[in-house]
């Protein structure tokens, strides 16, 4: 396994691999790897001749007063985990190389898909995401890129961007990986105290509650959301950013639940913002 920091060196290496007929599988991350990331890497190992992992805490997707400076970083730790699942190349650039002095070009998916949910509460976030993913796709030249479904809106936006720009990359969404108690794995879970960690289980419990209501015949989204909000707000350190039931493709709110409905949550537990989601009907895509 090699670690490459230079954007030009990484691009040259990947172009040479493609010319040699190698299929490149790519997993972009911000590091502090956990089992969720490793599940993407294992699938990437199956799908490609060469497995590339990027580790880059992207400054353009963080807003003012967000956790860019405190976001956990440990390249040695991440490299050991990456090597254990067969990563061939780690791309770990510096911000100054990705965004050199005078940088002015951004990629922006406009319209309702980026204006709701996380886009409403984190202005500019998805412009940062789509810009860095486009740059990473250009540098790494992957045939297939794997993303976790925990970042459901991000996955939808990246799929839209990739299609709109005719980028020759297959975008694959992978199921959420959870702790044994149901908490969705996240690099930000490390911020939680023991008591906050317990309170954070309200997110996964609310998904179970909503699915139970739907299984019992409830279809009114407003009623389901009311029950979910009550469950979450019963915990003393929770603060809801959003609880929405949306169409899985358009991300527009749905007044009535159907087979395309996804419950999407963003909740602060203490100062830590956590997200989670799940389909409300059995579809084979439940996360």
C-alpha atoms as a PDB file:
ATOM      1  CA  UNK A   1       0.000   0.000   0.000  1.00  0.00           C
ATOM      2  CA  UNK A   2       1.203   3.487  -0.863  1.00  0.00           C
ATOM      3  CA  UNK A   3       0.219   6.889   0.464  1.00  0.00           C
ATOM      4  CA  UNK A   4       0.284   9.651  -2.159  1.00  0.00           C
ATOM      5  CA  UNK A   5      -0.127  13.305  -1.213  1.00  0.00           C
ATOM      6  CA  UNK A   6       0.454  15.114  -4.500  1.00  0.00           C
ATOM      7  CA  UNK A   7      -2.606  15.658  -6.737  1.00  0.00           C
ATOM      8  CA  UNK A   8      -0.489  15.541  -9.896  1.00  0.00           C
ATOM      9  CA  UNK A   9       1.273  12.346  -8.845  1.00  0.00           C
ATOM     10  CA  UNK A  10      -2.038  10.707  -7.939  1.00  0.00           C
ATOM     11  CA  UNK A  11      -3.629  11.642 -11.235  1.00  0.00           C
ATOM     12  CA  UNK A  12      -0.626  10.432 -13.240  1.00  0.00           C
ATOM     13  CA  UNK A  13      -0.616   7.116 -11.395  1.00  0.00           C
ATOM     14  CA  UNK A  14      -4.339   6.542 -11.940  1.00  0.00           C
ATOM     15  CA  UNK A  15      -4.219   7.488 -15.620  1.00  0.00           C
ATOM     16  CA  UNK A  16      -1.421   4.969 -16.078  1.00  0.00           C
ATOM     17  CA  UNK A  17      -3.461   2.292 -14.296  1.00  0.00           C
ATOM     18  CA  UNK A  18      -6.419   2.935 -16.602  1.00  0.00           C
ATOM     19  CA  UNK A  19      -4.181   2.787 -19.669  1.00  0.00           C
ATOM     20  CA  UNK A  20      -2.929  -0.576 -18.398  1.00  0.00           C
ATOM     21  CA  UNK A  21      -6.513  -1.841 -18.359  1.00  0.00           C
ATOM     22  CA  UNK A  22      -6.972  -1.799 -14.593  1.00  0.00           C
ATOM     23  CA  UNK A  23     -10.423  -1.155 -13.118  1.00  0.00           C
ATOM     24  CA  UNK A  24     -10.222   1.441 -10.326  1.00  0.00           C
ATOM     25  CA  UNK A  25     -12.597   1.308  -7.355  1.00  0.00           C
ATOM     26  CA  UNK A  26     -12.664   4.403  -5.175  1.00  0.00           C
ATOM     27  CA  UNK A  27     -13.904   5.261  -1.677  1.00  0.00           C
ATOM     28  CA  UNK A  28     -13.701   8.974  -0.773  1.00  0.00           C
ATOM     29  CA  UNK A  29     -13.649   9.734   2.973  1.00  0.00           C
ATOM     30  CA  UNK A  30     -12.652  12.374   5.493  1.00  0.00           C
ATOM     31  CA  UNK A  31     -10.800   9.754   7.502  1.00  0.00           C
ATOM     32  CA  UNK A  32     -11.205   8.529  11.087  1.00  0.00           C
ATOM     33  CA  UNK A  33     -12.274   5.251   9.556  1.00  0.00           C
ATOM     34  CA  UNK A  34     -14.830   2.939  11.152  1.00  0.00           C
ATOM     35  CA  UNK A  35     -16.591  -0.257  10.129  1.00  0.00           C
ATOM     36  CA  UNK A  36     -18.934   1.673   7.842  1.00  0.00           C
ATOM     37  CA  UNK A  37     -15.986   2.875   5.778  1.00  0.00           C
ATOM     38  CA  UNK A  38     -14.401  -0.570   5.855  1.00  0.00           C
ATOM     39  CA  UNK A  39     -17.584  -2.108   4.434  1.00  0.00           C
ATOM     40  CA  UNK A  40     -17.270   0.257   1.453  1.00  0.00           C
ATOM     41  CA  UNK A  41     -13.625  -0.663   1.018  1.00  0.00           C
ATOM     42  CA  UNK A  42     -14.331  -4.402   1.136  1.00  0.00           C
ATOM     43  CA  UNK A  43     -16.975  -3.967  -1.577  1.00  0.00           C
ATOM     44  CA  UNK A  44     -14.565  -1.830  -3.565  1.00  0.00           C
ATOM     45  CA  UNK A  45     -11.961  -4.575  -3.285  1.00  0.00           C
ATOM     46  CA  UNK A  46     -14.451  -6.948  -4.932  1.00  0.00           C
ATOM     47  CA  UNK A  47     -15.342  -4.503  -7.694  1.00  0.00           C
ATOM     48  CA  UNK A  48     -11.931  -3.265  -8.797  1.00  0.00           C
ATOM     49  CA  UNK A  49      -8.435  -4.371  -9.712  1.00  0.00           C
ATOM     50  CA  UNK A  50      -7.053  -1.371  -7.836  1.00  0.00           C
ATOM     51  CA  UNK A  51      -8.630   0.005  -4.646  1.00  0.00           C
ATOM     52  CA  UNK A  52      -8.116   3.685  -3.884  1.00  0.00           C
ATOM     53  CA  UNK A  53      -9.068   5.432  -0.639  1.00  0.00           C
ATOM     54  CA  UNK A  54      -8.967   9.202  -0.263  1.00  0.00           C
ATOM     55  CA  UNK A  55      -8.608  10.831   3.141  1.00  0.00           C
ATOM     56  CA  UNK A  56      -9.265  14.559   3.000  1.00  0.00           C
ATOM     57  CA  UNK A  57     -11.122  16.741   5.497  1.00  0.00           C
ATOM     58  CA  UNK A  58     -12.610  19.085   2.930  1.00  0.00           C
ATOM     59  CA  UNK A  59     -12.772  22.671   4.220  1.00  0.00           C
ATOM     60  CA  UNK A  60     -15.276  23.871   1.618  1.00  0.00           C
ATOM     61  CA  UNK A  61     -18.102  21.694   2.967  1.00  0.00           C
ATOM     62  CA  UNK A  62     -17.860  23.024   6.525  1.00  0.00           C
ATOM     63  CA  UNK A  63     -19.768  26.126   7.524  1.00  0.00           C
ATOM     64  CA  UNK A  64     -18.918  28.803  10.042  1.00  0.00           C
ATOM     65  CA  UNK A  65     -18.817  27.460  13.623  1.00  0.00           C
ATOM     66  CA  UNK A  66     -18.835  23.831  12.414  1.00  0.00           C
ATOM     67  CA  UNK A  67     -16.272  21.245  13.483  1.00  0.00           C
ATOM     68  CA  UNK A  68     -13.610  21.510  10.759  1.00  0.00           C
ATOM     69  CA  UNK A  69     -10.778  22.204  13.210  1.00  0.00           C
ATOM     70  CA  UNK A  70     -11.856  19.541  15.713  1.00  0.00           C
ATOM     71  CA  UNK A  71     -12.787  16.839  13.188  1.00  0.00           C
ATOM     72  CA  UNK A  72     -10.821  13.699  14.232  1.00  0.00           C
ATOM     73  CA  UNK A  73      -7.688  13.015  12.204  1.00  0.00           C
ATOM     74  CA  UNK A  74      -5.146  10.185  12.491  1.00  0.00           C
ATOM     75  CA  UNK A  75      -3.557   9.117   9.219  1.00  0.00           C
ATOM     76  CA  UNK A  76      -1.416   6.371  10.765  1.00  0.00           C
ATOM     77  CA  UNK A  77      -4.487   4.782  12.374  1.00  0.00           C
ATOM     78  CA  UNK A  78      -6.476   5.042   9.151  1.00  0.00           C
ATOM     79  CA  UNK A  79      -3.631   3.657   7.047  1.00  0.00           C
ATOM     80  CA  UNK A  80      -3.393   0.551   9.234  1.00  0.00           C
ATOM     81  CA  UNK A  81      -7.131  -0.075   8.887  1.00  0.00           C
ATOM     82  CA  UNK A  82      -7.009   0.551   5.145  1.00  0.00           C
ATOM     83  CA  UNK A  83      -4.157  -1.884   4.655  1.00  0.00           C
ATOM     84  CA  UNK A  84      -6.075  -4.551   6.604  1.00  0.00           C
ATOM     85  CA  UNK A  85      -8.849  -4.565   3.976  1.00  0.00           C
ATOM     86  CA  UNK A  86      -6.601  -4.484   0.926  1.00  0.00           C
ATOM     87  CA  UNK A  87      -6.373  -0.811  -0.076  1.00  0.00           C
ATOM     88  CA  UNK A  88      -3.708  -0.273  -2.741  1.00  0.00           C
ATOM     89  CA  UNK A  89      -3.418   3.522  -2.752  1.00  0.00           C
ATOM     90  CA  UNK A  90      -4.327   6.191  -0.215  1.00  0.00           C
ATOM     91  CA  UNK A  91      -4.687   9.697  -1.579  1.00  0.00           C
ATOM     92  CA  UNK A  92      -4.185  12.124   1.313  1.00  0.00           C
ATOM     93  CA  UNK A  93      -3.702  15.616  -0.126  1.00  0.00           C
ATOM     94  CA  UNK A  94      -3.227  18.909   1.679  1.00  0.00           C
ATOM     95  CA  UNK A  95      -5.900  21.582   1.356  1.00  0.00           C
ATOM     96  CA  UNK A  96      -3.407  23.922  -0.305  1.00  0.00           C
ATOM     97  CA  UNK A  97      -2.901  21.368  -3.085  1.00  0.00           C
ATOM     98  CA  UNK A  98      -6.617  20.779  -3.626  1.00  0.00           C
ATOM     99  CA  UNK A  99      -7.475  24.487  -3.401  1.00  0.00           C
ATOM    100  CA  UNK A 100      -4.365  26.435  -4.391  1.00  0.00           C
ATOM    101  CA  UNK A 101      -4.066  30.183  -4.068  1.00  0.00           C
ATOM    102  CA  UNK A 102      -6.523  31.892  -6.403  1.00  0.00           C
ATOM    103  CA  UNK A 103      -8.847  28.870  -6.689  1.00  0.00           C
ATOM    104  CA  UNK A 104     -12.254  30.012  -8.006  1.00  0.00           C
ATOM    105  CA  UNK A 105     -14.083  27.049  -9.592  1.00  0.00           C
ATOM    106  CA  UNK A 106     -16.990  25.334  -7.853  1.00  0.00           C
ATOM    107  CA  UNK A 107     -19.600  22.747  -8.816  1.00  0.00           C
ATOM    108  CA  UNK A 108     -23.139  23.425  -7.661  1.00  0.00           C
ATOM    109  CA  UNK A 109     -26.221  21.207  -8.005  1.00  0.00           C
ATOM    110  CA  UNK A 110     -28.955  23.825  -7.938  1.00  0.00           C
ATOM    111  CA  UNK A 111     -32.626  23.469  -7.112  1.00  0.00           C
ATOM    112  CA  UNK A 112     -34.753  21.726  -4.502  1.00  0.00           C
ATOM    113  CA  UNK A 113     -32.486  18.700  -4.018  1.00  0.00           C
ATOM    114  CA  UNK A 114     -29.806  20.788  -2.297  1.00  0.00           C
ATOM    115  CA  UNK A 115     -32.086  23.356  -0.660  1.00  0.00           C
ATOM    116  CA  UNK A 116     -33.843  21.002   1.769  1.00  0.00           C
ATOM    117  CA  UNK A 117     -32.740  18.907   4.764  1.00  0.00           C
ATOM    118  CA  UNK A 118     -28.986  19.383   5.349  1.00  0.00           C
ATOM    119  CA  UNK A 119     -28.888  21.941   2.549  1.00  0.00           C
ATOM    120  CA  UNK A 120     -31.344  24.160   4.419  1.00  0.00           C
ATOM    121  CA  UNK A 121     -29.423  24.107   7.695  1.00  0.00           C
ATOM    122  CA  UNK A 122     -25.898  24.036   6.216  1.00  0.00           C
ATOM    123  CA  UNK A 123     -25.784  26.652   3.426  1.00  0.00           C
ATOM    124  CA  UNK A 124     -22.991  25.973   0.966  1.00  0.00           C
ATOM    125  CA  UNK A 125     -22.377  22.470   2.275  1.00  0.00           C
ATOM    126  CA  UNK A 126     -23.336  20.633  -0.886  1.00  0.00           C
ATOM    127  CA  UNK A 127     -21.448  23.033  -3.122  1.00  0.00           C
ATOM    128  CA  UNK A 128     -18.378  22.005  -1.151  1.00  0.00           C
ATOM    129  CA  UNK A 129     -19.265  18.321  -1.419  1.00  0.00           C
ATOM    130  CA  UNK A 130     -19.925  18.330  -5.162  1.00  0.00           C
ATOM    131  CA  UNK A 131     -16.830  20.394  -5.860  1.00  0.00           C
ATOM    132  CA  UNK A 132     -14.483  18.112  -3.952  1.00  0.00           C
ATOM    133  CA  UNK A 133     -16.059  14.924  -5.335  1.00  0.00           C
ATOM    134  CA  UNK A 134     -15.734  16.246  -8.889  1.00  0.00           C
ATOM    135  CA  UNK A 135     -12.079  17.067  -8.231  1.00  0.00           C
ATOM    136  CA  UNK A 136     -11.480  13.650  -6.683  1.00  0.00           C
ATOM    137  CA  UNK A 137     -13.151  11.902  -9.625  1.00  0.00           C
ATOM    138  CA  UNK A 138     -10.917  13.900 -11.995  1.00  0.00           C
ATOM    139  CA  UNK A 139      -7.771  13.063 -10.034  1.00  0.00           C
ATOM    140  CA  UNK A 140      -8.455   9.393  -9.228  1.00  0.00           C
ATOM    141  CA  UNK A 141     -10.228   8.534 -12.520  1.00  0.00           C
ATOM    142  CA  UNK A 142     -12.325   5.758 -10.934  1.00  0.00           C
ATOM    143  CA  UNK A 143     -14.581   3.357 -12.783  1.00  0.00           C
ATOM    144  CA  UNK A 144     -16.727   2.899  -9.660  1.00  0.00           C
ATOM    145  CA  UNK A 145     -17.078   4.978  -6.477  1.00  0.00           C
ATOM    146  CA  UNK A 146     -18.754   3.782  -3.279  1.00  0.00           C
ATOM    147  CA  UNK A 147     -20.649   5.941  -0.788  1.00  0.00           C
ATOM    148  CA  UNK A 148     -22.570   5.138   2.383  1.00  0.00           C
ATOM    149  CA  UNK A 149     -26.348   5.536   2.511  1.00  0.00           C
ATOM    150  CA  UNK A 150     -26.117   7.150   5.947  1.00  0.00           C
ATOM    151  CA  UNK A 151     -25.409  10.377   4.053  1.00  0.00           C
ATOM    152  CA  UNK A 152     -28.579   9.805   2.049  1.00  0.00           C
ATOM    153  CA  UNK A 153     -28.947  13.323   0.667  1.00  0.00           C
ATOM    154  CA  UNK A 154     -25.263  13.497  -0.223  1.00  0.00           C
ATOM    155  CA  UNK A 155     -25.550  10.235  -2.165  1.00  0.00           C
ATOM    156  CA  UNK A 156     -28.601  11.537  -4.069  1.00  0.00           C
ATOM    157  CA  UNK A 157     -26.841  14.812  -4.896  1.00  0.00           C
ATOM    158  CA  UNK A 158     -23.674  13.059  -6.076  1.00  0.00           C
ATOM    159  CA  UNK A 159     -25.708  10.751  -8.294  1.00  0.00           C
ATOM    160  CA  UNK A 160     -27.470  13.779  -9.793  1.00  0.00           C
ATOM    161  CA  UNK A 161     -24.180  15.613 -10.343  1.00  0.00           C
ATOM    162  CA  UNK A 162     -22.516  12.567 -11.896  1.00  0.00           C
ATOM    163  CA  UNK A 163     -25.415  12.084 -14.290  1.00  0.00           C
ATOM    164  CA  UNK A 164     -25.804  15.758 -15.167  1.00  0.00           C
ATOM    165  CA  UNK A 165     -22.090  16.132 -15.946  1.00  0.00           C
ATOM    166  CA  UNK A 166     -21.883  12.802 -17.819  1.00  0.00           C
ATOM    167  CA  UNK A 167     -19.044  11.658 -15.595  1.00  0.00           C
ATOM    168  CA  UNK A 168     -18.023   8.073 -16.494  1.00  0.00           C
ATOM    169  CA  UNK A 169     -18.224   6.829 -12.903  1.00  0.00           C
ATOM    170  CA  UNK A 170     -20.617   4.226 -11.503  1.00  0.00           C
ATOM    171  CA  UNK A 171     -21.870   5.559  -8.149  1.00  0.00           C
ATOM    172  CA  UNK A 172     -22.780   2.777  -5.712  1.00  0.00           C
ATOM    173  CA  UNK A 173     -24.673   3.337  -2.457  1.00  0.00           C
ATOM    174  CA  UNK A 174     -23.961   0.928   0.395  1.00  0.00           C
ATOM    175  CA  UNK A 175     -26.165   0.150   3.427  1.00  0.00           C
ATOM    176  CA  UNK A 176     -25.726   1.885   6.770  1.00  0.00           C
ATOM    177  CA  UNK A 177     -23.537  -0.043   9.197  1.00  0.00           C
ATOM    178  CA  UNK A 178     -24.750   0.113  12.784  1.00  0.00           C
ATOM    179  CA  UNK A 179     -23.391  -0.643  16.205  1.00  0.00           C
ATOM    180  CA  UNK A 180     -24.942  -3.669  17.928  1.00  0.00           C
ATOM    181  CA  UNK A 181     -27.362  -1.349  19.765  1.00  0.00           C
ATOM    182  CA  UNK A 182     -28.542   0.277  16.530  1.00  0.00           C
ATOM    183  CA  UNK A 183     -26.581   3.548  16.464  1.00  0.00           C
ATOM    184  CA  UNK A 184     -25.428   4.381  12.949  1.00  0.00           C
ATOM    185  CA  UNK A 185     -21.645   4.377  12.768  1.00  0.00           C
ATOM    186  CA  UNK A 186     -20.188   7.859  12.326  1.00  0.00           C
ATOM    187  CA  UNK A 187     -16.802   9.455  12.810  1.00  0.00           C
ATOM    188  CA  UNK A 188     -18.558  12.076  14.931  1.00  0.00           C
ATOM    189  CA  UNK A 189     -19.758   9.480  17.474  1.00  0.00           C
ATOM    190  CA  UNK A 190     -16.391   9.946  19.176  1.00  0.00           C
ATOM    191  CA  UNK A 191     -17.603  13.360  20.388  1.00  0.00           C
ATOM    192  CA  UNK A 192     -20.405  11.843  22.499  1.00  0.00           C
ATOM    193  CA  UNK A 193     -20.187  11.337  26.255  1.00  0.00           C
ATOM    194  CA  UNK A 194     -21.428   7.998  27.579  1.00  0.00           C
ATOM    195  CA  UNK A 195     -24.801   9.504  28.466  1.00  0.00           C
ATOM    196  CA  UNK A 196     -25.107  11.286  25.130  1.00  0.00           C
ATOM    197  CA  UNK A 197     -24.230   8.032  23.394  1.00  0.00           C
ATOM    198  CA  UNK A 198     -27.209   6.433  25.126  1.00  0.00           C
ATOM    199  CA  UNK A 199     -29.471   9.342  24.172  1.00  0.00           C
ATOM    200  CA  UNK A 200     -28.328   9.115  20.555  1.00  0.00           C
ATOM    201  CA  UNK A 201     -30.119   5.765  20.292  1.00  0.00           C
ATOM    202  CA  UNK A 202     -33.316   7.801  19.991  1.00  0.00           C
ATOM    203  CA  UNK A 203     -32.507   8.161  16.290  1.00  0.00           C
ATOM    204  CA  UNK A 204     -32.515   4.450  15.491  1.00  0.00           C
ATOM    205  CA  UNK A 205     -35.440   3.869  17.866  1.00  0.00           C
ATOM    206  CA  UNK A 206     -37.428   6.505  15.996  1.00  0.00           C
ATOM    207  CA  UNK A 207     -36.859   4.627  12.737  1.00  0.00           C
ATOM    208  CA  UNK A 208     -38.197   1.470  14.374  1.00  0.00           C
ATOM    209  CA  UNK A 209     -41.179   3.423  15.722  1.00  0.00           C
ATOM    210  CA  UNK A 210     -42.005   4.879  12.305  1.00  0.00           C
ATOM    211  CA  UNK A 211     -41.721   1.519  10.568  1.00  0.00           C
ATOM    212  CA  UNK A 212     -43.961  -0.007  13.201  1.00  0.00           C
ATOM    213  CA  UNK A 213     -46.589   2.657  12.624  1.00  0.00           C
ATOM    214  CA  UNK A 214     -46.450   2.090   8.869  1.00  0.00           C
ATOM    215  CA  UNK A 215     -46.662  -1.680   9.327  1.00  0.00           C
ATOM    216  CA  UNK A 216     -49.792  -1.120  11.437  1.00  0.00           C
ATOM    217  CA  UNK A 217     -51.410   0.815   8.598  1.00  0.00           C
ATOM    218  CA  UNK A 218     -50.496   4.452   9.292  1.00  0.00           C
ATOM    219  CA  UNK A 219     -49.765   6.416   6.123  1.00  0.00           C
ATOM    220  CA  UNK A 220     -50.102  10.034   7.249  1.00  0.00           C
ATOM    221  CA  UNK A 221     -46.594  11.501   7.321  1.00  0.00           C
ATOM    222  CA  UNK A 222     -47.502  14.317   9.719  1.00  0.00           C
ATOM    223  CA  UNK A 223     -48.769  11.861  12.339  1.00  0.00           C
ATOM    224  CA  UNK A 224     -45.669   9.694  12.022  1.00  0.00           C
ATOM    225  CA  UNK A 225     -43.384  12.725  12.300  1.00  0.00           C
ATOM    226  CA  UNK A 226     -45.211  13.892  15.425  1.00  0.00           C
ATOM    227  CA  UNK A 227     -44.607  10.540  17.106  1.00  0.00           C
ATOM    228  CA  UNK A 228     -40.965  10.489  16.048  1.00  0.00           C
ATOM    229  CA  UNK A 229     -40.332  14.013  17.296  1.00  0.00           C
ATOM    230  CA  UNK A 230     -41.888  13.164  20.648  1.00  0.00           C
ATOM    231  CA  UNK A 231     -39.619  10.161  21.068  1.00  0.00           C
ATOM    232  CA  UNK A 232     -36.478  12.141  20.232  1.00  0.00           C
ATOM    233  CA  UNK A 233     -37.404  15.192  22.288  1.00  0.00           C
ATOM    234  CA  UNK A 234     -37.918  13.019  25.379  1.00  0.00           C
ATOM    235  CA  UNK A 235     -34.122  12.850  25.696  1.00  0.00           C
ATOM    236  CA  UNK A 236     -32.734  15.848  27.633  1.00  0.00           C
ATOM    237  CA  UNK A 237     -29.787  16.741  25.387  1.00  0.00           C
ATOM    238  CA  UNK A 238     -31.396  16.301  21.967  1.00  0.00           C
ATOM    239  CA  UNK A 239     -32.280  19.146  19.617  1.00  0.00           C
ATOM    240  CA  UNK A 240     -33.942  18.343  16.307  1.00  0.00           C
ATOM    241  CA  UNK A 241     -32.611  19.917  13.135  1.00  0.00           C
ATOM    242  CA  UNK A 242     -35.112  18.123  10.919  1.00  0.00           C
ATOM    243  CA  UNK A 243     -37.425  15.110  10.793  1.00  0.00           C
ATOM    244  CA  UNK A 244     -38.806  14.621   7.295  1.00  0.00           C
ATOM    245  CA  UNK A 245     -40.429  11.932   5.211  1.00  0.00           C
ATOM    246  CA  UNK A 246     -39.260  12.381   1.631  1.00  0.00           C
ATOM    247  CA  UNK A 247     -39.262  10.686  -1.752  1.00  0.00           C
ATOM    248  CA  UNK A 248     -36.086   8.633  -2.094  1.00  0.00           C
ATOM    249  CA  UNK A 249     -35.109  10.190  -5.456  1.00  0.00           C
ATOM    250  CA  UNK A 250     -36.362  13.789  -5.461  1.00  0.00           C
ATOM    251  CA  UNK A 251     -36.020  14.321  -1.664  1.00  0.00           C
ATOM    252  CA  UNK A 252     -39.291  16.239  -1.734  1.00  0.00           C
ATOM    253  CA  UNK A 253     -41.579  15.863   1.276  1.00  0.00           C
ATOM    254  CA  UNK A 254     -44.377  13.319   0.974  1.00  0.00           C
ATOM    255  CA  UNK A 255     -47.674  13.850   2.803  1.00  0.00           C
ATOM    256  CA  UNK A 256     -48.492  10.149   2.478  1.00  0.00           C
ATOM    257  CA  UNK A 257     -46.091   7.247   2.944  1.00  0.00           C
ATOM    258  CA  UNK A 258     -45.516   4.885   0.024  1.00  0.00           C
ATOM    259  CA  UNK A 259     -42.836   2.468  -1.154  1.00  0.00           C
ATOM    260  CA  UNK A 260     -40.519   5.357  -2.106  1.00  0.00           C
ATOM    261  CA  UNK A 261     -40.701   7.064   1.301  1.00  0.00           C
ATOM    262  CA  UNK A 262     -37.596   7.571   3.427  1.00  0.00           C
ATOM    263  CA  UNK A 263     -37.522   8.983   6.956  1.00  0.00           C
ATOM    264  CA  UNK A 264     -34.568  11.367   7.262  1.00  0.00           C
ATOM    265  CA  UNK A 265     -33.296  12.692  10.589  1.00  0.00           C
ATOM    266  CA  UNK A 266     -30.745  15.232  11.741  1.00  0.00           C
ATOM    267  CA  UNK A 267     -30.469  15.665  15.492  1.00  0.00           C
ATOM    268  CA  UNK A 268     -28.012  17.422  17.767  1.00  0.00           C
ATOM    269  CA  UNK A 269     -27.093  15.355  20.808  1.00  0.00           C
ATOM    270  CA  UNK A 270     -25.302  17.865  22.969  1.00  0.00           C
ATOM    271  CA  UNK A 271     -23.135  19.717  20.443  1.00  0.00           C
ATOM    272  CA  UNK A 272     -22.821  16.742  18.084  1.00  0.00           C
ATOM    273  CA  UNK A 273     -24.971  16.698  14.954  1.00  0.00           C
ATOM    274  CA  UNK A 274     -25.972  13.158  13.925  1.00  0.00           C
ATOM    275  CA  UNK A 275     -27.914  11.984  10.891  1.00  0.00           C
ATOM    276  CA  UNK A 276     -29.793   8.788  10.151  1.00  0.00           C
ATOM    277  CA  UNK A 277     -32.389   7.513   7.706  1.00  0.00           C
ATOM    278  CA  UNK A 278     -34.331   4.507   6.557  1.00  0.00           C
ATOM    279  CA  UNK A 279     -37.027   3.369   4.155  1.00  0.00           C
ATOM    280  CA  UNK A 280     -40.400   3.038   5.860  1.00  0.00           C
ATOM    281  CA  UNK A 281     -41.631   0.052   3.858  1.00  0.00           C
ATOM    282  CA  UNK A 282     -39.818  -3.196   3.143  1.00  0.00           C
ATOM    283  CA  UNK A 283     -38.229  -2.612  -0.261  1.00  0.00           C
ATOM    284  CA  UNK A 284     -34.990  -4.563  -0.191  1.00  0.00           C
ATOM    285  CA  UNK A 285     -33.175  -1.229   0.157  1.00  0.00           C
ATOM    286  CA  UNK A 286     -33.717  -0.678   3.853  1.00  0.00           C
ATOM    287  CA  UNK A 287     -30.693   0.706   5.635  1.00  0.00           C
END
